[in-house]
Amino acid sequence: MKFVTHVSVGPLLCAMSAIICAIPTLLLPADSPNAPKTALLAVGAVVFAAGVIRVRRETLSRREASAERDDENGS
């Protein structure tokens, strides 16, 4: 019996983006310059977009793999 372990990277990237977007609010003072805050939000948005793309690709590859297994089993 084979045990398949698969770690989904997409949801982890989405969670990381939430942390990145929260850093300016949690760590920087309210009267700090806006440039670092904007940069962190932009990085968080890019990481979130990468996470969403990863989730979509992982879902698609799982569907293709299950379709191939069904074809091999004659279903």
N, C-alpha and C. Protein backbone atom coordinates (compact mmCIF):
# COMPACT_ATOMS: atom_id res chain seq x y z
N MET A 1 0.85 -1.17 0.00
CA MET A 1 0.00 0.00 0.00
C MET A 1 0.90 1.24 0.00
N LYS A 2 0.61 2.14 -0.91
CA LYS A 2 1.37 3.38 -0.98
C LYS A 2 0.63 4.49 -0.25
N PHE A 3 1.38 5.24 0.51
CA PHE A 3 0.83 6.41 1.16
C PHE A 3 1.32 7.63 0.41
N VAL A 4 0.40 8.38 -0.13
CA VAL A 4 0.76 9.57 -0.89
C VAL A 4 0.66 10.77 0.04
N THR A 5 1.77 11.45 0.18
CA THR A 5 1.76 12.67 0.98
C THR A 5 1.97 13.84 0.03
N HIS A 6 1.10 14.80 0.12
CA HIS A 6 1.16 15.96 -0.76
C HIS A 6 0.98 17.21 0.09
N VAL A 7 1.95 18.07 0.02
CA VAL A 7 1.87 19.34 0.74
C VAL A 7 1.42 20.40 -0.24
N SER A 8 0.31 21.03 0.06
CA SER A 8 -0.19 22.10 -0.79
C SER A 8 0.54 23.39 -0.45
N VAL A 9 1.20 23.93 -1.44
CA VAL A 9 1.99 25.14 -1.24
C VAL A 9 1.12 26.39 -1.38
N GLY A 10 0.07 26.31 -2.19
CA GLY A 10 -0.78 27.47 -2.44
C GLY A 10 -1.39 28.07 -1.19
N PRO A 11 -2.05 27.27 -0.34
CA PRO A 11 -2.61 27.84 0.88
C PRO A 11 -1.54 28.41 1.82
N LEU A 12 -0.37 27.80 1.82
CA LEU A 12 0.72 28.34 2.65
C LEU A 12 1.16 29.72 2.15
N LEU A 13 1.23 29.88 0.83
CA LEU A 13 1.58 31.18 0.27
C LEU A 13 0.52 32.23 0.60
N CYS A 14 -0.75 31.84 0.55
CA CYS A 14 -1.82 32.77 0.88
C CYS A 14 -1.75 33.19 2.35
N ALA A 15 -1.43 32.26 3.23
CA ALA A 15 -1.29 32.59 4.65
C ALA A 15 -0.07 33.50 4.87
N MET A 16 1.01 33.22 4.15
CA MET A 16 2.19 34.08 4.26
C MET A 16 1.87 35.50 3.80
N SER A 17 1.05 35.63 2.77
CA SER A 17 0.71 36.97 2.29
C SER A 17 -0.08 37.74 3.35
N ALA A 18 -0.93 37.05 4.09
CA ALA A 18 -1.67 37.73 5.16
C ALA A 18 -0.72 38.23 6.24
N ILE A 19 0.28 37.43 6.55
CA ILE A 19 1.26 37.85 7.56
C ILE A 19 2.07 39.03 7.05
N ILE A 20 2.48 38.97 5.78
CA ILE A 20 3.26 40.07 5.20
C ILE A 20 2.45 41.36 5.20
N CYS A 21 1.16 41.27 4.89
CA CYS A 21 0.32 42.46 4.88
C CYS A 21 0.04 42.99 6.28
N ALA A 22 0.12 42.14 7.28
CA ALA A 22 -0.12 42.58 8.66
C ALA A 22 1.11 43.20 9.31
N ILE A 23 2.28 42.94 8.78
CA ILE A 23 3.51 43.43 9.39
C ILE A 23 3.52 44.96 9.55
N PRO A 24 3.13 45.75 8.52
CA PRO A 24 3.17 47.20 8.72
C PRO A 24 2.28 47.67 9.88
N THR A 25 1.13 47.05 10.03
CA THR A 25 0.21 47.47 11.09
C THR A 25 0.73 47.06 12.46
N LEU A 26 1.34 45.89 12.53
CA LEU A 26 1.75 45.36 13.83
C LEU A 26 3.10 45.89 14.30
N LEU A 27 4.02 46.13 13.39
CA LEU A 27 5.38 46.45 13.80
C LEU A 27 5.81 47.90 13.59
N LEU A 28 5.26 48.54 12.58
CA LEU A 28 5.70 49.91 12.29
C LEU A 28 4.83 50.92 13.05
N PRO A 29 5.43 52.01 13.51
CA PRO A 29 4.64 53.03 14.19
C PRO A 29 3.65 53.71 13.22
N ALA A 30 2.63 54.29 13.77
CA ALA A 30 1.58 54.90 12.96
C ALA A 30 2.10 56.09 12.15
N ASP A 31 3.08 56.80 12.67
CA ASP A 31 3.57 57.99 11.97
C ASP A 31 4.80 57.70 11.12
N SER A 32 5.04 56.44 10.80
CA SER A 32 6.20 56.08 9.97
C SER A 32 5.91 56.42 8.51
N PRO A 33 6.95 56.52 7.69
CA PRO A 33 6.75 56.83 6.27
C PRO A 33 5.90 55.76 5.57
N ASN A 34 5.22 56.18 4.53
CA ASN A 34 4.32 55.27 3.81
C ASN A 34 5.03 54.33 2.85
N ALA A 35 6.23 54.66 2.42
CA ALA A 35 6.93 53.83 1.43
C ALA A 35 7.15 52.39 1.91
N PRO A 36 7.65 52.16 3.13
CA PRO A 36 7.83 50.77 3.55
C PRO A 36 6.51 50.02 3.68
N LYS A 37 5.47 50.71 4.13
CA LYS A 37 4.16 50.09 4.26
C LYS A 37 3.63 49.67 2.90
N THR A 38 3.76 50.56 1.93
CA THR A 38 3.29 50.27 0.58
C THR A 38 4.08 49.13 -0.05
N ALA A 39 5.39 49.12 0.19
CA ALA A 39 6.22 48.06 -0.36
C ALA A 39 5.83 46.70 0.21
N LEU A 40 5.59 46.63 1.50
CA LEU A 40 5.19 45.36 2.11
C LEU A 40 3.82 44.91 1.61
N LEU A 41 2.91 45.85 1.42
CA LEU A 41 1.59 45.49 0.88
C LEU A 41 1.71 44.99 -0.55
N ALA A 42 2.59 45.60 -1.34
CA ALA A 42 2.79 45.14 -2.72
C ALA A 42 3.39 43.74 -2.75
N VAL A 43 4.35 43.49 -1.88
CA VAL A 43 4.95 42.15 -1.80
C VAL A 43 3.89 41.14 -1.36
N GLY A 44 3.07 41.51 -0.39
CA GLY A 44 2.00 40.63 0.07
C GLY A 44 1.01 40.31 -1.04
N ALA A 45 0.70 41.31 -1.86
CA ALA A 45 -0.23 41.09 -2.97
C ALA A 45 0.36 40.14 -4.00
N VAL A 46 1.64 40.26 -4.28
CA VAL A 46 2.30 39.37 -5.24
C VAL A 46 2.34 37.94 -4.70
N VAL A 47 2.65 37.79 -3.42
CA VAL A 47 2.69 36.46 -2.81
C VAL A 47 1.29 35.84 -2.81
N PHE A 48 0.27 36.66 -2.57
CA PHE A 48 -1.11 36.15 -2.59
C PHE A 48 -1.48 35.68 -3.99
N ALA A 49 -1.11 36.47 -4.99
CA ALA A 49 -1.41 36.08 -6.38
C ALA A 49 -0.70 34.78 -6.74
N ALA A 50 0.54 34.63 -6.30
CA ALA A 50 1.28 33.39 -6.56
C ALA A 50 0.59 32.21 -5.85
N GLY A 51 0.08 32.44 -4.65
CA GLY A 51 -0.63 31.39 -3.92
C GLY A 51 -1.90 30.96 -4.63
N VAL A 52 -2.65 31.92 -5.14
CA VAL A 52 -3.88 31.60 -5.86
C VAL A 52 -3.57 30.81 -7.12
N ILE A 53 -2.54 31.22 -7.85
CA ILE A 53 -2.15 30.49 -9.06
C ILE A 53 -1.72 29.07 -8.71
N ARG A 54 -0.98 28.92 -7.61
CA ARG A 54 -0.55 27.59 -7.18
C ARG A 54 -1.73 26.71 -6.82
N VAL A 55 -2.72 27.27 -6.12
CA VAL A 55 -3.91 26.49 -5.76
C VAL A 55 -4.62 26.02 -7.01
N ARG A 56 -4.76 26.89 -7.99
CA ARG A 56 -5.46 26.51 -9.23
C ARG A 56 -4.70 25.42 -9.97
N ARG A 57 -3.37 25.53 -10.04
CA ARG A 57 -2.58 24.52 -10.74
C ARG A 57 -2.61 23.18 -10.01
N GLU A 58 -2.53 23.22 -8.67
CA GLU A 58 -2.57 21.97 -7.91
C GLU A 58 -3.91 21.27 -8.08
N THR A 59 -4.99 22.03 -8.09
CA THR A 59 -6.31 21.44 -8.29
C THR A 59 -6.42 20.82 -9.68
N LEU A 60 -5.90 21.52 -10.68
CA LEU A 60 -5.95 21.02 -12.04
C LEU A 60 -5.11 19.75 -12.18
N SER A 61 -3.92 19.72 -11.59
CA SER A 61 -3.07 18.54 -11.71
C SER A 61 -3.68 17.35 -10.98
N ARG A 62 -4.36 17.60 -9.87
CA ARG A 62 -5.03 16.50 -9.16
C ARG A 62 -6.17 15.93 -10.00
N ARG A 63 -6.92 16.80 -10.66
CA ARG A 63 -8.01 16.33 -11.52
C ARG A 63 -7.47 15.49 -12.68
N GLU A 64 -6.37 15.96 -13.28
CA GLU A 64 -5.77 15.21 -14.39
C GLU A 64 -5.25 13.86 -13.91
N ALA A 65 -4.63 13.83 -12.73
CA ALA A 65 -4.11 12.58 -12.20
C ALA A 65 -5.24 11.60 -11.90
N SER A 66 -6.34 12.08 -11.36
CA SER A 66 -7.46 11.18 -11.06
C SER A 66 -8.11 10.68 -12.36
N ALA A 67 -8.14 11.53 -13.39
CA ALA A 67 -8.69 11.11 -14.67
C ALA A 67 -7.80 10.03 -15.31
N GLU A 68 -6.48 10.18 -15.17
CA GLU A 68 -5.57 9.17 -15.70
C GLU A 68 -5.74 7.85 -14.96
N ARG A 69 -5.89 7.92 -13.63
CA ARG A 69 -6.10 6.69 -12.86
C ARG A 69 -7.40 6.00 -13.27
N ASP A 70 -8.43 6.80 -13.51
CA ASP A 70 -9.70 6.21 -13.95
C ASP A 70 -9.55 5.52 -15.31
N ASP A 71 -8.78 6.15 -16.20
CA ASP A 71 -8.55 5.56 -17.51
C ASP A 71 -7.77 4.25 -17.41
N GLU A 72 -6.79 4.21 -16.50
CA GLU A 72 -5.99 3.01 -16.33
C GLU A 72 -6.81 1.88 -15.74
N ASN A 73 -7.75 2.21 -14.86
CA ASN A 73 -8.57 1.19 -14.21
C ASN A 73 -9.74 0.76 -15.09
N GLY A 74 -9.94 1.42 -16.20
CA GLY A 74 -11.00 1.04 -17.11
C GLY A 74 -12.37 1.58 -16.74
N SER A 75 -12.39 2.59 -15.90
CA SER A 75 -13.68 3.19 -15.49
C SER A 75 -14.11 4.24 -16.46
